[in-house]
Every structure is written in structure tokens, then in C-alpha cells.
């Protein structure tokens, strides 16, 4: 699938993948914005650093646990949790 805007995302928004480095790095090969975060503080920082072009965030279960409340305060961003 080619990108409508040449950045690896679609015209509607980018896909970001957030969580433990070992589980998320490969998604960069598919054009996702990769945000490796190995601890709770890094997860929160990575979440806050996501830009407004991000429409979907795929996260590891550990990242989802850290962001349980925060993910509901970002309307318009679909969050998806990877299986364990």
C-alpha cells in the first residue's frame, strides 16, 4: 500500500506503535512511527510526544496498562492493544 503523503502514513493520519523496544521496532519497516518506551515514564513521555497527525496508536499490553486513563483523554485517536 502506498502512502498518500509520502511519509508512510495516509492522508487521514499516521499510525504509531508504542511500547517495549523489542516488540515495536520492526513496525518501522512498514512505515509506522515507532515510539520505543521501556518503562512507565518513557511510555508517558512517548504518548505526550505524539504529534497531531497520529490517528492510530498500536501499543503493547504493558504500555496500555500505563496509559489506561490517558488514552481516553485523546479523542479522535484510535488505540489498539497488541495481544500478549
N, C-alpha and C. Protein backbone atom coordinates (compact mmCIF):
# COMPACT_ATOMS: atom_id res chain seq x y z
N UNK A 1 0.84 -1.17 0.00
CA UNK A 1 0.00 0.00 0.00
C UNK A 1 0.89 1.24 0.00
N UNK A 2 0.64 2.14 -0.89
CA UNK A 2 1.47 3.33 -0.95
C UNK A 2 0.88 4.43 -0.10
N UNK A 3 1.70 5.33 0.28
CA UNK A 3 1.30 6.44 1.12
C UNK A 3 0.78 7.59 0.28
N UNK A 4 -0.30 8.20 0.75
CA UNK A 4 -0.86 9.33 0.04
C UNK A 4 -0.01 10.59 0.23
N UNK A 5 0.74 10.64 1.33
CA UNK A 5 1.51 11.85 1.59
C UNK A 5 3.02 11.63 1.61
N UNK A 6 3.46 10.41 1.28
CA UNK A 6 4.88 10.14 1.17
C UNK A 6 5.61 9.98 2.49
N UNK A 7 4.89 9.92 3.60
CA UNK A 7 5.53 9.82 4.91
C UNK A 7 5.30 8.49 5.57
N UNK A 8 4.70 7.54 4.89
CA UNK A 8 4.43 6.25 5.50
C UNK A 8 3.07 6.20 6.16
N UNK A 9 2.36 7.29 6.21
CA UNK A 9 1.02 7.32 6.76
C UNK A 9 0.04 7.58 5.64
N UNK A 10 -1.21 7.68 5.95
CA UNK A 10 -2.19 8.00 4.94
C UNK A 10 -2.54 9.48 5.07
N UNK A 11 -3.33 9.96 4.13
CA UNK A 11 -3.75 11.36 4.19
C UNK A 11 -4.58 11.61 5.45
N UNK A 12 -5.22 10.56 5.97
CA UNK A 12 -6.07 10.71 7.14
C UNK A 12 -5.28 10.72 8.45
N UNK A 13 -4.08 10.24 8.46
CA UNK A 13 -3.28 10.24 9.69
C UNK A 13 -2.27 9.12 9.71
N UNK A 14 -1.36 9.24 10.65
CA UNK A 14 -0.28 8.26 10.78
C UNK A 14 -0.62 7.20 11.79
N UNK A 15 0.08 6.09 11.69
CA UNK A 15 -0.01 5.01 12.66
C UNK A 15 1.26 5.04 13.49
N UNK A 16 1.09 5.04 14.80
CA UNK A 16 2.23 4.99 15.72
C UNK A 16 2.17 3.68 16.49
N UNK A 17 3.33 3.16 16.84
CA UNK A 17 3.43 1.94 17.64
C UNK A 17 4.26 2.28 18.86
N UNK A 18 3.71 2.02 20.05
CA UNK A 18 4.32 2.46 21.29
C UNK A 18 4.45 1.30 22.26
N UNK A 19 5.61 1.14 22.84
CA UNK A 19 5.82 0.10 23.84
C UNK A 19 7.27 -0.35 23.90
N UNK A 20 7.46 -1.51 24.49
CA UNK A 20 8.81 -2.03 24.70
C UNK A 20 9.56 -2.15 23.37
N UNK A 21 10.78 -1.67 23.39
CA UNK A 21 11.62 -1.60 22.19
C UNK A 21 11.63 -2.93 21.41
N UNK A 22 11.82 -4.02 22.09
CA UNK A 22 11.93 -5.32 21.41
C UNK A 22 10.65 -5.70 20.66
N UNK A 23 9.51 -5.17 21.09
CA UNK A 23 8.24 -5.52 20.46
C UNK A 23 7.80 -4.53 19.39
N UNK A 24 8.37 -3.33 19.35
CA UNK A 24 7.83 -2.32 18.43
C UNK A 24 8.76 -1.94 17.28
N UNK A 25 10.05 -2.18 17.40
CA UNK A 25 10.99 -1.68 16.40
C UNK A 25 10.70 -2.14 14.98
N UNK A 26 10.26 -3.36 14.80
CA UNK A 26 10.01 -3.89 13.46
C UNK A 26 8.91 -3.17 12.70
N UNK A 27 8.00 -2.53 13.40
CA UNK A 27 6.89 -1.84 12.74
C UNK A 27 7.36 -0.64 11.92
N UNK A 28 8.54 -0.16 12.20
CA UNK A 28 9.09 0.93 11.39
C UNK A 28 9.30 0.51 9.94
N UNK A 29 9.54 -0.77 9.71
CA UNK A 29 9.73 -1.28 8.35
C UNK A 29 8.46 -1.13 7.51
N UNK A 30 7.31 -1.07 8.19
CA UNK A 30 6.03 -0.92 7.50
C UNK A 30 5.61 0.54 7.41
N UNK A 31 6.45 1.45 7.89
CA UNK A 31 6.16 2.87 7.78
C UNK A 31 5.51 3.49 9.00
N UNK A 32 5.34 2.70 10.06
CA UNK A 32 4.75 3.26 11.28
C UNK A 32 5.75 4.15 12.00
N UNK A 33 5.23 5.10 12.74
CA UNK A 33 6.04 5.92 13.62
C UNK A 33 6.28 5.09 14.87
N UNK A 34 7.52 4.73 15.12
CA UNK A 34 7.86 3.84 16.23
C UNK A 34 8.29 4.68 17.43
N UNK A 35 7.66 4.40 18.58
CA UNK A 35 7.98 5.10 19.83
C UNK A 35 8.37 4.06 20.88
N UNK A 36 9.64 3.65 20.89
CA UNK A 36 10.06 2.67 21.88
C UNK A 36 10.03 3.29 23.28
N UNK A 37 9.49 2.53 24.22
CA UNK A 37 9.39 3.02 25.59
C UNK A 37 9.43 1.82 26.52
N UNK A 38 10.49 1.73 27.32
CA UNK A 38 10.69 0.53 28.14
C UNK A 38 10.24 0.65 29.59
N UNK A 39 9.83 1.79 30.03
CA UNK A 39 9.35 1.95 31.40
C UNK A 39 8.17 2.88 31.44
N UNK A 40 7.50 2.97 32.58
CA UNK A 40 6.30 3.79 32.70
C UNK A 40 6.56 5.26 32.34
N UNK A 41 7.67 5.81 32.80
CA UNK A 41 7.98 7.20 32.48
C UNK A 41 8.20 7.41 31.00
N UNK A 42 8.90 6.49 30.36
CA UNK A 42 9.14 6.59 28.92
C UNK A 42 7.84 6.45 28.15
N UNK A 43 6.96 5.57 28.61
CA UNK A 43 5.67 5.38 27.94
C UNK A 43 4.87 6.68 27.99
N UNK A 44 4.78 7.29 29.16
CA UNK A 44 4.04 8.54 29.29
C UNK A 44 4.65 9.65 28.43
N UNK A 45 5.97 9.73 28.42
CA UNK A 45 6.65 10.74 27.60
C UNK A 45 6.40 10.52 26.11
N UNK A 46 6.48 9.27 25.68
CA UNK A 46 6.26 8.95 24.27
C UNK A 46 4.82 9.29 23.86
N UNK A 47 3.87 9.00 24.73
CA UNK A 47 2.46 9.30 24.46
C UNK A 47 2.27 10.81 24.30
N UNK A 48 2.83 11.58 25.21
CA UNK A 48 2.69 13.03 25.15
C UNK A 48 3.39 13.63 23.94
N UNK A 49 4.43 12.97 23.45
CA UNK A 49 5.20 13.49 22.32
C UNK A 49 4.57 13.18 20.96
N UNK A 50 3.54 12.34 20.92
CA UNK A 50 2.90 12.03 19.64
C UNK A 50 2.30 13.29 19.05
N UNK A 51 2.52 13.48 17.75
CA UNK A 51 2.00 14.70 17.13
C UNK A 51 0.54 14.55 16.72
N UNK A 52 -0.03 15.63 16.26
CA UNK A 52 -1.45 15.66 15.91
C UNK A 52 -1.78 14.87 14.65
N UNK A 53 -0.78 14.47 13.88
CA UNK A 53 -1.02 13.67 12.67
C UNK A 53 -1.29 12.22 12.98
N UNK A 54 -1.03 11.79 14.21
CA UNK A 54 -1.24 10.38 14.58
C UNK A 54 -2.73 10.13 14.80
N UNK A 55 -3.26 9.15 14.06
CA UNK A 55 -4.68 8.81 14.15
C UNK A 55 -4.89 7.47 14.84
N UNK A 56 -3.89 6.58 14.78
CA UNK A 56 -4.00 5.25 15.37
C UNK A 56 -2.72 4.98 16.15
N UNK A 57 -2.88 4.47 17.37
CA UNK A 57 -1.73 4.08 18.18
C UNK A 57 -1.89 2.61 18.55
N UNK A 58 -0.95 1.80 18.09
CA UNK A 58 -0.88 0.39 18.46
C UNK A 58 0.09 0.32 19.62
N UNK A 59 -0.34 -0.30 20.72
CA UNK A 59 0.54 -0.35 21.89
C UNK A 59 0.62 -1.74 22.47
N UNK A 60 1.73 -1.98 23.14
CA UNK A 60 1.91 -3.25 23.83
C UNK A 60 1.01 -3.27 25.05
N UNK A 61 0.71 -4.46 25.59
CA UNK A 61 -0.12 -4.52 26.80
C UNK A 61 0.46 -3.73 27.97
N UNK A 62 1.78 -3.75 28.12
CA UNK A 62 2.41 -3.01 29.21
C UNK A 62 2.20 -1.50 29.04
N UNK A 63 2.35 -1.00 27.83
CA UNK A 63 2.12 0.42 27.57
C UNK A 63 0.66 0.78 27.80
N UNK A 64 -0.24 -0.08 27.36
CA UNK A 64 -1.67 0.18 27.55
C UNK A 64 -2.03 0.26 29.02
N UNK A 65 -1.40 -0.57 29.83
CA UNK A 65 -1.66 -0.54 31.27
C UNK A 65 -1.22 0.79 31.87
N UNK A 66 -0.07 1.28 31.46
CA UNK A 66 0.43 2.56 31.96
C UNK A 66 -0.49 3.70 31.52
N UNK A 67 -1.01 3.62 30.30
CA UNK A 67 -1.80 4.72 29.73
C UNK A 67 -3.30 4.54 29.88
N UNK A 68 -3.73 3.64 30.73
CA UNK A 68 -5.15 3.32 30.84
C UNK A 68 -6.04 4.56 30.88
N UNK A 69 -5.74 5.52 31.72
CA UNK A 69 -6.57 6.73 31.81
C UNK A 69 -6.25 7.73 30.70
N UNK A 70 -4.99 7.88 30.36
CA UNK A 70 -4.58 8.89 29.39
C UNK A 70 -5.13 8.62 28.00
N UNK A 71 -5.23 7.34 27.61
CA UNK A 71 -5.68 7.06 26.24
C UNK A 71 -7.12 7.49 26.00
N UNK A 72 -7.91 7.60 27.03
CA UNK A 72 -9.30 8.01 26.86
C UNK A 72 -9.45 9.53 26.80
N UNK A 73 -8.39 10.24 27.07
CA UNK A 73 -8.42 11.70 27.03
C UNK A 73 -7.89 12.28 25.72
N UNK A 74 -7.73 11.42 24.73
CA UNK A 74 -7.24 11.89 23.43
C UNK A 74 -8.28 11.52 22.37
N UNK A 75 -9.34 12.31 22.28
CA UNK A 75 -10.41 12.00 21.33
C UNK A 75 -9.89 12.04 19.89
N UNK A 76 -10.44 11.18 19.07
CA UNK A 76 -10.03 11.15 17.68
C UNK A 76 -8.85 10.25 17.40
N UNK A 77 -8.23 9.68 18.45
CA UNK A 77 -7.12 8.76 18.27
C UNK A 77 -7.59 7.36 18.66
N UNK A 78 -7.54 6.46 17.72
CA UNK A 78 -7.92 5.07 17.98
C UNK A 78 -6.73 4.35 18.58
N UNK A 79 -6.94 3.70 19.73
CA UNK A 79 -5.86 2.92 20.34
C UNK A 79 -6.19 1.44 20.23
N UNK A 80 -5.16 0.67 19.91
CA UNK A 80 -5.28 -0.76 19.74
C UNK A 80 -4.19 -1.40 20.58
N UNK A 81 -4.55 -2.46 21.33
CA UNK A 81 -3.59 -3.15 22.18
C UNK A 81 -3.21 -4.47 21.52
N UNK A 82 -1.90 -4.69 21.38
CA UNK A 82 -1.38 -5.95 20.84
C UNK A 82 -1.75 -7.10 21.77
N UNK A 83 -1.87 -8.30 21.23
CA UNK A 83 -2.03 -9.44 22.12
C UNK A 83 -0.76 -9.67 22.93
N UNK A 84 -0.89 -10.28 24.10
CA UNK A 84 0.32 -10.54 24.92
C UNK A 84 1.32 -11.42 24.22
